[in-house]
């Protein structure tokens, strides 16, 4: 999967916004001002949020990804060469986790996500 494909998946999500908060060419995707996916300037992969440190560790143990540098331990870094369906699934799960943590009012202002 390419950076462009990851950005296309993220851009299609309701309320998703692209920013570069760190400078230097990072693609940070946010919903409601909270990040759910980030591609670093080195273009090695995409970092996404999981529901827990344990889930992130399980994914690392399974060889799906590695610890996301500079992020909390509940985040995982998936290489762009990973299975495209796994990447897509992890991006969508991350989005859903972050979106569910938004205020009820903000959640209600966003259109429903289509599968």
PDB file of N, CA and C in Angstrom:
ATOM      1  N   UNK A   1       0.859  -1.169   0.000  1.00  0.00           N
ATOM      2  CA  UNK A   1       0.000   0.000   0.000  1.00  0.00           C
ATOM      3  C   UNK A   1       0.905   1.232   0.000  1.00  0.00           C
ATOM      4  N   UNK A   2       0.456   2.257  -0.601  1.00  0.00           N
ATOM      5  CA  UNK A   2       1.257   3.480  -0.686  1.00  0.00           C
ATOM      6  C   UNK A   2       0.716   4.548   0.263  1.00  0.00           C
ATOM      7  N   UNK A   3       1.509   5.567   0.444  1.00  0.00           N
ATOM      8  CA  UNK A   3       1.102   6.723   1.249  1.00  0.00           C
ATOM      9  C   UNK A   3      -0.183   7.318   0.671  1.00  0.00           C
ATOM     10  N   UNK A   4      -0.254   7.402  -0.645  1.00  0.00           N
ATOM     11  CA  UNK A   4      -1.449   7.960  -1.289  1.00  0.00           C
ATOM     12  C   UNK A   4      -2.689   7.125  -0.987  1.00  0.00           C
ATOM     13  N   UNK A   5      -2.538   5.800  -0.970  1.00  0.00           N
ATOM     14  CA  UNK A   5      -3.676   4.930  -0.682  1.00  0.00           C
ATOM     15  C   UNK A   5      -4.127   5.097   0.762  1.00  0.00           C
ATOM     16  N   UNK A   6      -3.185   5.155   1.683  1.00  0.00           N
ATOM     17  CA  UNK A   6      -3.525   5.385   3.094  1.00  0.00           C
ATOM     18  C   UNK A   6      -4.247   6.723   3.227  1.00  0.00           C
ATOM     19  N   UNK A   7      -3.741   7.749   2.564  1.00  0.00           N
ATOM     20  CA  UNK A   7      -4.385   9.065   2.632  1.00  0.00           C
ATOM     21  C   UNK A   7      -5.777   9.038   2.021  1.00  0.00           C
ATOM     22  N   UNK A   8      -5.980   8.258   0.981  1.00  0.00           N
ATOM     23  CA  UNK A   8      -7.299   8.136   0.360  1.00  0.00           C
ATOM     24  C   UNK A   8      -8.284   7.482   1.320  1.00  0.00           C
ATOM     25  N   UNK A   9      -7.847   6.425   2.000  1.00  0.00           N
ATOM     26  CA  UNK A   9      -8.703   5.749   2.991  1.00  0.00           C
ATOM     27  C   UNK A   9      -9.081   6.730   4.098  1.00  0.00           C
ATOM     28  N   UNK A  10      -8.100   7.424   4.631  1.00  0.00           N
ATOM     29  CA  UNK A  10      -8.347   8.367   5.731  1.00  0.00           C
ATOM     30  C   UNK A  10      -9.242   9.524   5.293  1.00  0.00           C
ATOM     31  N   UNK A  11      -9.002  10.050   4.112  1.00  0.00           N
ATOM     32  CA  UNK A  11      -9.767  11.204   3.621  1.00  0.00           C
ATOM     33  C   UNK A  11     -11.246  10.877   3.446  1.00  0.00           C
ATOM     34  N   UNK A  12     -11.574   9.613   3.222  1.00  0.00           N
ATOM     35  CA  UNK A  12     -12.961   9.214   2.996  1.00  0.00           C
ATOM     36  C   UNK A  12     -13.759   9.087   4.294  1.00  0.00           C
ATOM     37  N   UNK A  13     -13.096   9.167   5.425  1.00  0.00           N
ATOM     38  CA  UNK A  13     -13.780   9.007   6.706  1.00  0.00           C
ATOM     39  C   UNK A  13     -14.443  10.326   7.139  1.00  0.00           C
ATOM     40  N   UNK A  14     -15.677  10.253   7.641  1.00  0.00           N
ATOM     41  CA  UNK A  14     -16.414  11.463   8.021  1.00  0.00           C
ATOM     42  C   UNK A  14     -15.669  12.311   9.047  1.00  0.00           C
ATOM     43  N   UNK A  15     -15.479  13.574   8.715  1.00  0.00           N
ATOM     44  CA  UNK A  15     -14.838  14.510   9.627  1.00  0.00           C
ATOM     45  C   UNK A  15     -13.321  14.422   9.678  1.00  0.00           C
ATOM     46  N   UNK A  16     -12.726  13.551   8.883  1.00  0.00           N
ATOM     47  CA  UNK A  16     -11.271  13.398   8.901  1.00  0.00           C
ATOM     48  C   UNK A  16     -10.603  14.617   8.289  1.00  0.00           C
ATOM     49  N   UNK A  17      -9.541  15.074   8.957  1.00  0.00           N
ATOM     50  CA  UNK A  17      -8.793  16.242   8.494  1.00  0.00           C
ATOM     51  C   UNK A  17      -7.311  15.923   8.505  1.00  0.00           C
ATOM     52  N   UNK A  18      -6.614  16.376   7.475  1.00  0.00           N
ATOM     53  CA  UNK A  18      -5.179  16.175   7.348  1.00  0.00           C
ATOM     54  C   UNK A  18      -4.434  17.387   7.871  1.00  0.00           C
ATOM     55  N   UNK A  19      -3.363  17.127   8.635  1.00  0.00           N
ATOM     56  CA  UNK A  19      -2.519  18.219   9.116  1.00  0.00           C
ATOM     57  C   UNK A  19      -1.074  17.731   9.164  1.00  0.00           C
ATOM     58  N   UNK A  20      -0.164  18.661   9.409  1.00  0.00           N
ATOM     59  CA  UNK A  20       1.258  18.343   9.571  1.00  0.00           C
ATOM     60  C   UNK A  20       1.731  19.057  10.833  1.00  0.00           C
ATOM     61  N   UNK A  21       1.285  18.580  12.018  1.00  0.00           N
ATOM     62  CA  UNK A  21       1.572  19.300  13.257  1.00  0.00           C
ATOM     63  C   UNK A  21       3.040  19.285  13.669  1.00  0.00           C
ATOM     64  N   UNK A  22       3.810  18.355  13.140  1.00  0.00           N
ATOM     65  CA  UNK A  22       5.204  18.227  13.525  1.00  0.00           C
ATOM     66  C   UNK A  22       6.144  18.880  12.518  1.00  0.00           C
ATOM     67  N   UNK A  23       5.609  19.278  11.375  1.00  0.00           N
ATOM     68  CA  UNK A  23       6.426  19.835  10.304  1.00  0.00           C
ATOM     69  C   UNK A  23       7.228  18.737   9.615  1.00  0.00           C
ATOM     70  N   UNK A  24       7.819  19.065   8.505  1.00  0.00           N
ATOM     71  CA  UNK A  24       8.689  18.122   7.833  1.00  0.00           C
ATOM     72  C   UNK A  24       8.016  17.047   7.016  1.00  0.00           C
ATOM     73  N   UNK A  25       6.748  17.195   6.703  1.00  0.00           N
ATOM     74  CA  UNK A  25       6.093  16.254   5.805  1.00  0.00           C
ATOM     75  C   UNK A  25       5.416  15.064   6.449  1.00  0.00           C
ATOM     76  N   UNK A  26       4.889  15.223   7.645  1.00  0.00           N
ATOM     77  CA  UNK A  26       4.106  14.173   8.282  1.00  0.00           C
ATOM     78  C   UNK A  26       2.652  14.330   7.859  1.00  0.00           C
ATOM     79  N   UNK A  27       1.994  13.233   7.590  1.00  0.00           N
ATOM     80  CA  UNK A  27       0.561  13.255   7.320  1.00  0.00           C
ATOM     81  C   UNK A  27      -0.148  12.746   8.569  1.00  0.00           C
ATOM     82  N   UNK A  28      -0.706  13.663   9.337  1.00  0.00           N
ATOM     83  CA  UNK A  28      -1.421  13.322  10.563  1.00  0.00           C
ATOM     84  C   UNK A  28      -2.915  13.485  10.309  1.00  0.00           C
ATOM     85  N   UNK A  29      -3.641  12.386  10.436  1.00  0.00           N
ATOM     86  CA  UNK A  29      -5.084  12.402  10.221  1.00  0.00           C
ATOM     87  C   UNK A  29      -5.797  12.489  11.557  1.00  0.00           C
ATOM     88  N   UNK A  30      -6.746  13.419  11.632  1.00  0.00           N
ATOM     89  CA  UNK A  30      -7.468  13.673  12.870  1.00  0.00           C
ATOM     90  C   UNK A  30      -8.969  13.686  12.620  1.00  0.00           C
ATOM     91  N   UNK A  31      -9.708  13.346  13.668  1.00  0.00           N
ATOM     92  CA  UNK A  31     -11.150  13.532  13.676  1.00  0.00           C
ATOM     93  C   UNK A  31     -11.462  14.242  14.985  1.00  0.00           C
ATOM     94  N   UNK A  32     -12.206  15.334  14.893  1.00  0.00           N
ATOM     95  CA  UNK A  32     -12.512  16.115  16.088  1.00  0.00           C
ATOM     96  C   UNK A  32     -11.273  16.644  16.784  1.00  0.00           C
ATOM     97  N   UNK A  33     -10.205  16.874  16.020  1.00  0.00           N
ATOM     98  CA  UNK A  33      -8.966  17.393  16.578  1.00  0.00           C
ATOM     99  C   UNK A  33      -8.078  16.349  17.230  1.00  0.00           C
ATOM    100  N   UNK A  34      -8.476  15.073  17.186  1.00  0.00           N
ATOM    101  CA  UNK A  34      -7.714  13.978  17.804  1.00  0.00           C
ATOM    102  C   UNK A  34      -7.149  13.067  16.707  1.00  0.00           C
ATOM    103  N   UNK A  35      -5.873  12.749  16.813  1.00  0.00           N
ATOM    104  CA  UNK A  35      -5.198  11.964  15.779  1.00  0.00           C
ATOM    105  C   UNK A  35      -5.600  10.491  15.821  1.00  0.00           C
ATOM    106  N   UNK A  36      -5.849   9.924  14.621  1.00  0.00           N
ATOM    107  CA  UNK A  36      -6.141   8.495  14.523  1.00  0.00           C
ATOM    108  C   UNK A  36      -5.167   7.766  13.601  1.00  0.00           C
ATOM    109  N   UNK A  37      -4.409   8.485  12.789  1.00  0.00           N
ATOM    110  CA  UNK A  37      -3.415   7.857  11.916  1.00  0.00           C
ATOM    111  C   UNK A  37      -2.335   8.876  11.575  1.00  0.00           C
ATOM    112  N   UNK A  38      -1.114   8.387  11.436  1.00  0.00           N
ATOM    113  CA  UNK A  38      -0.005   9.281  11.115  1.00  0.00           C
ATOM    114  C   UNK A  38       1.025   8.547  10.267  1.00  0.00           C
ATOM    115  N   UNK A  39       1.401   9.173   9.173  1.00  0.00           N
ATOM    116  CA  UNK A  39       2.482   8.671   8.325  1.00  0.00           C
ATOM    117  C   UNK A  39       3.639   9.639   8.491  1.00  0.00           C
ATOM    118  N   UNK A  40       4.773   9.114   8.906  1.00  0.00           N
ATOM    119  CA  UNK A  40       5.938   9.948   9.132  1.00  0.00           C
ATOM    120  C   UNK A  40       6.593  10.399   7.845  1.00  0.00           C
ATOM    121  N   UNK A  41       7.510  11.319   7.965  1.00  0.00           N
ATOM    122  CA  UNK A  41       8.197  11.861   6.787  1.00  0.00           C
ATOM    123  C   UNK A  41       9.092  10.824   6.116  1.00  0.00           C
ATOM    124  N   UNK A  42       9.476   9.771   6.854  1.00  0.00           N
ATOM    125  CA  UNK A  42      10.319   8.724   6.283  1.00  0.00           C
ATOM    126  C   UNK A  42       9.520   7.759   5.412  1.00  0.00           C
ATOM    127  N   UNK A  43       8.175   7.833   5.483  1.00  0.00           N
ATOM    128  CA  UNK A  43       7.305   7.036   4.623  1.00  0.00           C
ATOM    129  C   UNK A  43       7.487   5.533   4.836  1.00  0.00           C
ATOM    130  N   UNK A  44       7.734   5.099   6.081  1.00  0.00           N
ATOM    131  CA  UNK A  44       7.937   3.678   6.347  1.00  0.00           C
ATOM    132  C   UNK A  44       6.644   2.932   6.645  1.00  0.00           C
ATOM    133  N   UNK A  45       5.626   3.644   7.041  1.00  0.00           N
ATOM    134  CA  UNK A  45       4.367   3.006   7.376  1.00  0.00           C
ATOM    135  C   UNK A  45       3.415   3.989   8.020  1.00  0.00           C
ATOM    136  N   UNK A  46       2.351   3.440   8.579  1.00  0.00           N
ATOM    137  CA  UNK A  46       1.330   4.270   9.213  1.00  0.00           C
ATOM    138  C   UNK A  46       1.184   3.842  10.671  1.00  0.00           C
ATOM    139  N   UNK A  47       1.124   4.811  11.568  1.00  0.00           N
ATOM    140  CA  UNK A  47       0.904   4.547  12.983  1.00  0.00           C
ATOM    141  C   UNK A  47      -0.569   4.764  13.292  1.00  0.00           C
ATOM    142  N   UNK A  48      -1.151   3.794  14.015  1.00  0.00           N
ATOM    143  CA  UNK A  48      -2.571   3.851  14.346  1.00  0.00           C
ATOM    144  C   UNK A  48      -2.782   3.482  15.801  1.00  0.00           C
ATOM    145  N   UNK A  49      -3.895   3.922  16.348  1.00  0.00           N
ATOM    146  CA  UNK A  49      -4.257   3.662  17.737  1.00  0.00           C
ATOM    147  C   UNK A  49      -4.953   2.306  17.837  1.00  0.00           C
ATOM    148  N   UNK A  50      -4.666   1.580  18.918  1.00  0.00           N
ATOM    149  CA  UNK A  50      -5.417   0.371  19.225  1.00  0.00           C
ATOM    150  C   UNK A  50      -6.220   0.638  20.497  1.00  0.00           C
ATOM    151  N   UNK A  51      -7.048  -0.304  20.869  1.00  0.00           N
ATOM    152  CA  UNK A  51      -7.887  -0.082  22.047  1.00  0.00           C
ATOM    153  C   UNK A  51      -7.140  -0.225  23.367  1.00  0.00           C
ATOM    154  N   UNK A  52      -5.923  -0.803  23.320  1.00  0.00           N
ATOM    155  CA  UNK A  52      -5.190  -0.991  24.577  1.00  0.00           C
ATOM    156  C   UNK A  52      -3.720  -1.324  24.314  1.00  0.00           C
ATOM    157  N   UNK A  53      -2.931  -1.210  25.356  1.00  0.00           N
ATOM    158  CA  UNK A  53      -1.527  -1.606  25.283  1.00  0.00           C
ATOM    159  C   UNK A  53      -1.437  -3.095  24.969  1.00  0.00           C
ATOM    160  N   UNK A  54      -2.345  -3.872  25.542  1.00  0.00           N
ATOM    161  CA  UNK A  54      -2.339  -5.328  25.326  1.00  0.00           C
ATOM    162  C   UNK A  54      -2.611  -5.683  23.873  1.00  0.00           C
ATOM    163  N   UNK A  55      -3.546  -4.995  23.249  1.00  0.00           N
ATOM    164  CA  UNK A  55      -3.830  -5.254  21.833  1.00  0.00           C
ATOM    165  C   UNK A  55      -2.634  -4.880  20.975  1.00  0.00           C
ATOM    166  N   UNK A  56      -2.021  -3.748  21.265  1.00  0.00           N
ATOM    167  CA  UNK A  56      -0.836  -3.335  20.512  1.00  0.00           C
ATOM    168  C   UNK A  56       0.264  -4.382  20.660  1.00  0.00           C
ATOM    169  N   UNK A  57       0.466  -4.872  21.875  1.00  0.00           N
ATOM    170  CA  UNK A  57       1.497  -5.892  22.107  1.00  0.00           C
ATOM    171  C   UNK A  57       1.173  -7.182  21.367  1.00  0.00           C
ATOM    172  N   UNK A  58      -0.087  -7.570  21.367  1.00  0.00           N
ATOM    173  CA  UNK A  58      -0.496  -8.778  20.646  1.00  0.00           C
ATOM    174  C   UNK A  58      -0.192  -8.643  19.152  1.00  0.00           C
ATOM    175  N   UNK A  59      -0.484  -7.478  18.582  1.00  0.00           N
ATOM    176  CA  UNK A  59      -0.214  -7.243  17.164  1.00  0.00           C
ATOM    177  C   UNK A  59       1.288  -7.256  16.882  1.00  0.00           C
ATOM    178  N   UNK A  60       2.076  -6.719  17.803  1.00  0.00           N
ATOM    179  CA  UNK A  60       3.533  -6.751  17.639  1.00  0.00           C
ATOM    180  C   UNK A  60       4.044  -8.187  17.746  1.00  0.00           C
ATOM    181  N   UNK A  61       3.532  -8.941  18.715  1.00  0.00           N
ATOM    182  CA  UNK A  61       3.935 -10.338  18.883  1.00  0.00           C
ATOM    183  C   UNK A  61       3.580 -11.176  17.655  1.00  0.00           C
ATOM    184  N   UNK A  62       2.481 -10.825  16.994  1.00  0.00           N
ATOM    185  CA  UNK A  62       2.045 -11.545  15.788  1.00  0.00           C
ATOM    186  C   UNK A  62       2.822 -11.106  14.543  1.00  0.00           C
ATOM    187  N   UNK A  63       3.674 -10.092  14.702  1.00  0.00           N
ATOM    188  CA  UNK A  63       4.482  -9.628  13.582  1.00  0.00           C
ATOM    189  C   UNK A  63       3.759  -8.702  12.624  1.00  0.00           C
ATOM    190  N   UNK A  64       2.621  -8.180  13.051  1.00  0.00           N
ATOM    191  CA  UNK A  64       1.844  -7.298  12.185  1.00  0.00           C
ATOM    192  C   UNK A  64       2.443  -5.899  12.128  1.00  0.00           C
ATOM    193  N   UNK A  65       3.073  -5.478  13.210  1.00  0.00           N
ATOM    194  CA  UNK A  65       3.681  -4.157  13.253  1.00  0.00           C
ATOM    195  C   UNK A  65       4.673  -4.075  14.392  1.00  0.00           C
ATOM    196  N   UNK A  66       5.154  -2.865  14.618  1.00  0.00           N
ATOM    197  CA  UNK A  66       6.113  -2.594  15.687  1.00  0.00           C
ATOM    198  C   UNK A  66       5.596  -1.428  16.524  1.00  0.00           C
ATOM    199  N   UNK A  67       6.246  -1.167  17.662  1.00  0.00           N
ATOM    200  CA  UNK A  67       5.843  -0.031  18.477  1.00  0.00           C
ATOM    201  C   UNK A  67       5.971   1.246  17.668  1.00  0.00           C
ATOM    202  N   UNK A  68       4.952   2.055  17.725  1.00  0.00           N
ATOM    203  CA  UNK A  68       4.966   3.323  17.001  1.00  0.00           C
ATOM    204  C   UNK A  68       5.896   4.294  17.712  1.00  0.00           C
ATOM    205  N   UNK A  69       6.968   4.731  17.031  1.00  0.00           N
ATOM    206  CA  UNK A  69       7.882   5.673  17.687  1.00  0.00           C
ATOM    207  C   UNK A  69       7.165   6.975  18.058  1.00  0.00           C
ATOM    208  N   UNK A  70       7.493   7.491  19.230  1.00  0.00           N
ATOM    209  CA  UNK A  70       6.992   8.779  19.728  1.00  0.00           C
ATOM    210  C   UNK A  70       5.524   8.751  20.157  1.00  0.00           C
ATOM    211  N   UNK A  71       4.860   7.610  20.063  1.00  0.00           N
ATOM    212  CA  UNK A  71       3.450   7.508  20.447  1.00  0.00           C
ATOM    213  C   UNK A  71       3.305   6.666  21.708  1.00  0.00           C
ATOM    214  N   UNK A  72       2.140   6.766  22.321  1.00  0.00           N
ATOM    215  CA  UNK A  72       1.800   5.955  23.483  1.00  0.00           C
ATOM    216  C   UNK A  72       1.897   4.475  23.114  1.00  0.00           C
ATOM    217  N   UNK A  73       2.059   3.632  24.100  1.00  0.00           N
ATOM    218  CA  UNK A  73       2.223   2.197  23.845  1.00  0.00           C
ATOM    219  C   UNK A  73       0.978   1.530  23.277  1.00  0.00           C
ATOM    220  N   UNK A  74      -0.142   2.208  23.258  1.00  0.00           N
ATOM    221  CA  UNK A  74      -1.349   1.639  22.651  1.00  0.00           C
ATOM    222  C   UNK A  74      -1.389   1.868  21.133  1.00  0.00           C
ATOM    223  N   UNK A  75      -0.358   2.526  20.605  1.00  0.00           N
ATOM    224  CA  UNK A  75      -0.255   2.756  19.166  1.00  0.00           C
ATOM    225  C   UNK A  75       0.700   1.732  18.555  1.00  0.00           C
ATOM    226  N   UNK A  76       0.457   1.398  17.301  1.00  0.00           N
ATOM    227  CA  UNK A  76       1.312   0.460  16.579  1.00  0.00           C
ATOM    228  C   UNK A  76       1.663   1.049  15.218  1.00  0.00           C
ATOM    229  N   UNK A  77       2.851   0.743  14.753  1.00  0.00           N
ATOM    230  CA  UNK A  77       3.321   1.219  13.449  1.00  0.00           C
ATOM    231  C   UNK A  77       3.276   0.046  12.471  1.00  0.00           C
ATOM    232  N   UNK A  78       2.469   0.187  11.445  1.00  0.00           N
ATOM    233  CA  UNK A  78       2.309  -0.863  10.433  1.00  0.00           C
ATOM    234  C   UNK A  78       3.086  -0.488   9.178  1.00  0.00           C
ATOM    235  N   UNK A  79       3.929  -1.381   8.677  1.00  0.00           N
ATOM    236  CA  UNK A  79       4.673  -1.057   7.456  1.00  0.00           C
ATOM    237  C   UNK A  79       3.723  -0.959   6.261  1.00  0.00           C
ATOM    238  N   UNK A  80       4.054  -0.102   5.326  1.00  0.00           N
ATOM    239  CA  UNK A  80       3.209   0.051   4.132  1.00  0.00           C
ATOM    240  C   UNK A  80       3.148  -1.235   3.320  1.00  0.00           C
ATOM    241  N   UNK A  81       4.114  -2.142   3.525  1.00  0.00           N
ATOM    242  CA  UNK A  81       4.130  -3.416   2.806  1.00  0.00           C
ATOM    243  C   UNK A  81       3.217  -4.460   3.452  1.00  0.00           C
ATOM    244  N   UNK A  82       2.598  -4.126   4.581  1.00  0.00           N
ATOM    245  CA  UNK A  82       1.698  -5.056   5.268  1.00  0.00           C
ATOM    246  C   UNK A  82       0.504  -5.372   4.365  1.00  0.00           C
ATOM    247  N   UNK A  83      -0.203  -6.417   4.744  1.00  0.00           N
ATOM    248  CA  UNK A  83      -1.397  -6.813   4.006  1.00  0.00           C
ATOM    249  C   UNK A  83      -2.352  -5.614   3.888  1.00  0.00           C
ATOM    250  N   UNK A  84      -2.754  -5.260   2.666  1.00  0.00           N
ATOM    251  CA  UNK A  84      -3.615  -4.076   2.483  1.00  0.00           C
ATOM    252  C   UNK A  84      -4.914  -4.129   3.289  1.00  0.00           C
ATOM    253  N   UNK A  85      -5.515  -5.307   3.405  1.00  0.00           N
ATOM    254  CA  UNK A  85      -6.757  -5.416   4.178  1.00  0.00           C
ATOM    255  C   UNK A  85      -6.501  -5.187   5.667  1.00  0.00           C
ATOM    256  N   UNK A  86      -5.353  -5.667   6.158  1.00  0.00           N
ATOM    257  CA  UNK A  86      -4.989  -5.431   7.559  1.00  0.00           C
ATOM    258  C   UNK A  86      -4.778  -3.939   7.810  1.00  0.00           C
ATOM    259  N   UNK A  87      -4.069  -3.280   6.896  1.00  0.00           N
ATOM    260  CA  UNK A  87      -3.845  -1.837   7.035  1.00  0.00           C
ATOM    261  C   UNK A  87      -5.170  -1.083   7.054  1.00  0.00           C
ATOM    262  N   UNK A  88      -6.021  -1.391   6.108  1.00  0.00           N
ATOM    263  CA  UNK A  88      -7.327  -0.730   6.021  1.00  0.00           C
ATOM    264  C   UNK A  88      -8.122  -0.962   7.315  1.00  0.00           C
ATOM    265  N   UNK A  89      -8.152  -2.205   7.768  1.00  0.00           N
ATOM    266  CA  UNK A  89      -8.891  -2.555   8.979  1.00  0.00           C
ATOM    267  C   UNK A  89      -8.357  -1.779  10.182  1.00  0.00           C
ATOM    268  N   UNK A  90      -7.052  -1.731  10.341  1.00  0.00           N
ATOM    269  CA  UNK A  90      -6.442  -1.049  11.484  1.00  0.00           C
ATOM    270  C   UNK A  90      -6.696   0.455  11.449  1.00  0.00           C
ATOM    271  N   UNK A  91      -6.682   1.051  10.259  1.00  0.00           N
ATOM    272  CA  UNK A  91      -6.993   2.482  10.126  1.00  0.00           C
ATOM    273  C   UNK A  91      -8.440   2.741  10.554  1.00  0.00           C
ATOM    274  N   UNK A  92      -9.365   1.898  10.091  1.00  0.00           N
ATOM    275  CA  UNK A  92     -10.779   2.072  10.428  1.00  0.00           C
ATOM    276  C   UNK A  92     -11.024   1.862  11.923  1.00  0.00           C
ATOM    277  N   UNK A  93     -10.375   0.861  12.508  1.00  0.00           N
ATOM    278  CA  UNK A  93     -10.519   0.620  13.952  1.00  0.00           C
ATOM    279  C   UNK A  93      -9.990   1.817  14.737  1.00  0.00           C
ATOM    280  N   UNK A  94      -8.842   2.330  14.338  1.00  0.00           N
ATOM    281  CA  UNK A  94      -8.257   3.490  15.007  1.00  0.00           C
ATOM    282  C   UNK A  94      -9.208   4.686  14.930  1.00  0.00           C
ATOM    283  N   UNK A  95      -9.742   4.934  13.752  1.00  0.00           N
ATOM    284  CA  UNK A  95     -10.700   6.024  13.565  1.00  0.00           C
ATOM    285  C   UNK A  95     -11.893   5.846  14.512  1.00  0.00           C
ATOM    286  N   UNK A  96     -12.445   4.631  14.548  1.00  0.00           N
ATOM    287  CA  UNK A  96     -13.613   4.370  15.395  1.00  0.00           C
ATOM    288  C   UNK A  96     -13.296   4.574  16.875  1.00  0.00           C
ATOM    289  N   UNK A  97     -12.103   4.148  17.302  1.00  0.00           N
ATOM    290  CA  UNK A  97     -11.702   4.324  18.704  1.00  0.00           C
ATOM    291  C   UNK A  97     -11.633   5.814  19.047  1.00  0.00           C
ATOM    292  N   UNK A  98     -10.967   6.571  18.199  1.00  0.00           N
ATOM    293  CA  UNK A  98     -10.804   8.003  18.463  1.00  0.00           C
ATOM    294  C   UNK A  98     -12.153   8.712  18.388  1.00  0.00           C
ATOM    295  N   UNK A  99     -12.941   8.389  17.389  1.00  0.00           N
ATOM    296  CA  UNK A  99     -14.251   9.024  17.240  1.00  0.00           C
ATOM    297  C   UNK A  99     -15.138   8.732  18.443  1.00  0.00           C
ATOM    298  N   UNK A 100     -15.103   7.512  18.954  1.00  0.00           N
ATOM    299  CA  UNK A 100     -15.945   7.162  20.101  1.00  0.00           C
ATOM    300  C   UNK A 100     -15.531   7.903  21.370  1.00  0.00           C
ATOM    301  N   UNK A 101     -14.316   8.438  21.404  1.00  0.00           N
ATOM    302  CA  UNK A 101     -13.846   9.192  22.551  1.00  0.00           C
ATOM    303  C   UNK A 101     -14.179  10.674  22.502  1.00  0.00           C
ATOM    304  N   UNK A 102     -14.764  11.107  21.391  1.00  0.00           N
ATOM    305  CA  UNK A 102     -15.160  12.512  21.260  1.00  0.00           C
ATOM    306  C   UNK A 102     -16.415  12.779  22.084  1.00  0.00           C
ATOM    307  N   UNK A 103     -16.693  14.037  22.335  1.00  0.00           N
ATOM    308  CA  UNK A 103     -17.916  14.378  23.053  1.00  0.00           C
ATOM    309  C   UNK A 103     -19.124  13.892  22.255  1.00  0.00           C
ATOM    310  N   UNK A 104     -20.196  13.607  22.951  1.00  0.00           N
ATOM    311  CA  UNK A 104     -21.424  13.133  22.289  1.00  0.00           C
ATOM    312  C   UNK A 104     -21.917  14.157  21.268  1.00  0.00           C
ATOM    313  N   UNK A 105     -21.785  15.414  21.608  1.00  0.00           N
ATOM    314  CA  UNK A 105     -22.232  16.475  20.701  1.00  0.00           C
ATOM    315  C   UNK A 105     -21.412  16.460  19.412  1.00  0.00           C
ATOM    316  N   UNK A 106     -20.090  16.328  19.543  1.00  0.00           N
ATOM    317  CA  UNK A 106     -19.225  16.291  18.364  1.00  0.00           C
ATOM    318  C   UNK A 106     -19.482  15.026  17.551  1.00  0.00           C
ATOM    319  N   UNK A 107     -19.651  13.891  18.237  1.00  0.00           N
ATOM    320  CA  UNK A 107     -19.950  12.647  17.531  1.00  0.00           C
ATOM    321  C   UNK A 107     -21.240  12.788  16.726  1.00  0.00           C
ATOM    322  N   UNK A 108     -22.253  13.400  17.323  1.00  0.00           N
ATOM    323  CA  UNK A 108     -23.546  13.560  16.662  1.00  0.00           C
ATOM    324  C   UNK A 108     -23.469  14.485  15.456  1.00  0.00           C
ATOM    325  N   UNK A 109     -22.487  15.386  15.444  1.00  0.00           N
ATOM    326  CA  UNK A 109     -22.364  16.319  14.313  1.00  0.00           C
ATOM    327  C   UNK A 109     -21.681  15.679  13.102  1.00  0.00           C
ATOM    328  N   UNK A 110     -21.092  14.496  13.287  1.00  0.00           N
ATOM    329  CA  UNK A 110     -20.412  13.826  12.185  1.00  0.00           C
ATOM    330  C   UNK A 110     -21.333  12.835  11.504  1.00  0.00           C
ATOM    331  N   UNK A 111     -21.268  12.735  10.182  1.00  0.00           N
ATOM    332  CA  UNK A 111     -22.059  11.716   9.491  1.00  0.00           C
ATOM    333  C   UNK A 111     -21.625  10.311   9.910  1.00  0.00           C
ATOM    334  N   UNK A 112     -22.509   9.361   9.776  1.00  0.00           N
ATOM    335  CA  UNK A 112     -22.173   7.967  10.092  1.00  0.00           C
ATOM    336  C   UNK A 112     -21.085   7.469   9.138  1.00  0.00           C
ATOM    337  N   UNK A 113     -20.240   6.573   9.650  1.00  0.00           N
ATOM    338  CA  UNK A 113     -19.203   5.991   8.800  1.00  0.00           C
ATOM    339  C   UNK A 113     -19.790   4.787   8.073  1.00  0.00           C
ATOM    340  N   UNK A 114     -19.582   4.771   6.758  1.00  0.00           N
ATOM    341  CA  UNK A 114     -20.004   3.625   5.973  1.00  0.00           C
ATOM    342  C   UNK A 114     -18.906   2.569   6.032  1.00  0.00           C
ATOM    343  N   UNK A 115     -19.277   1.335   6.062  1.00  0.00           N
ATOM    344  CA  UNK A 115     -18.304   0.249   6.176  1.00  0.00           C
ATOM    345  C   UNK A 115     -17.403   0.107   5.010  1.00  0.00           C
TER     346      UNK A 115
END
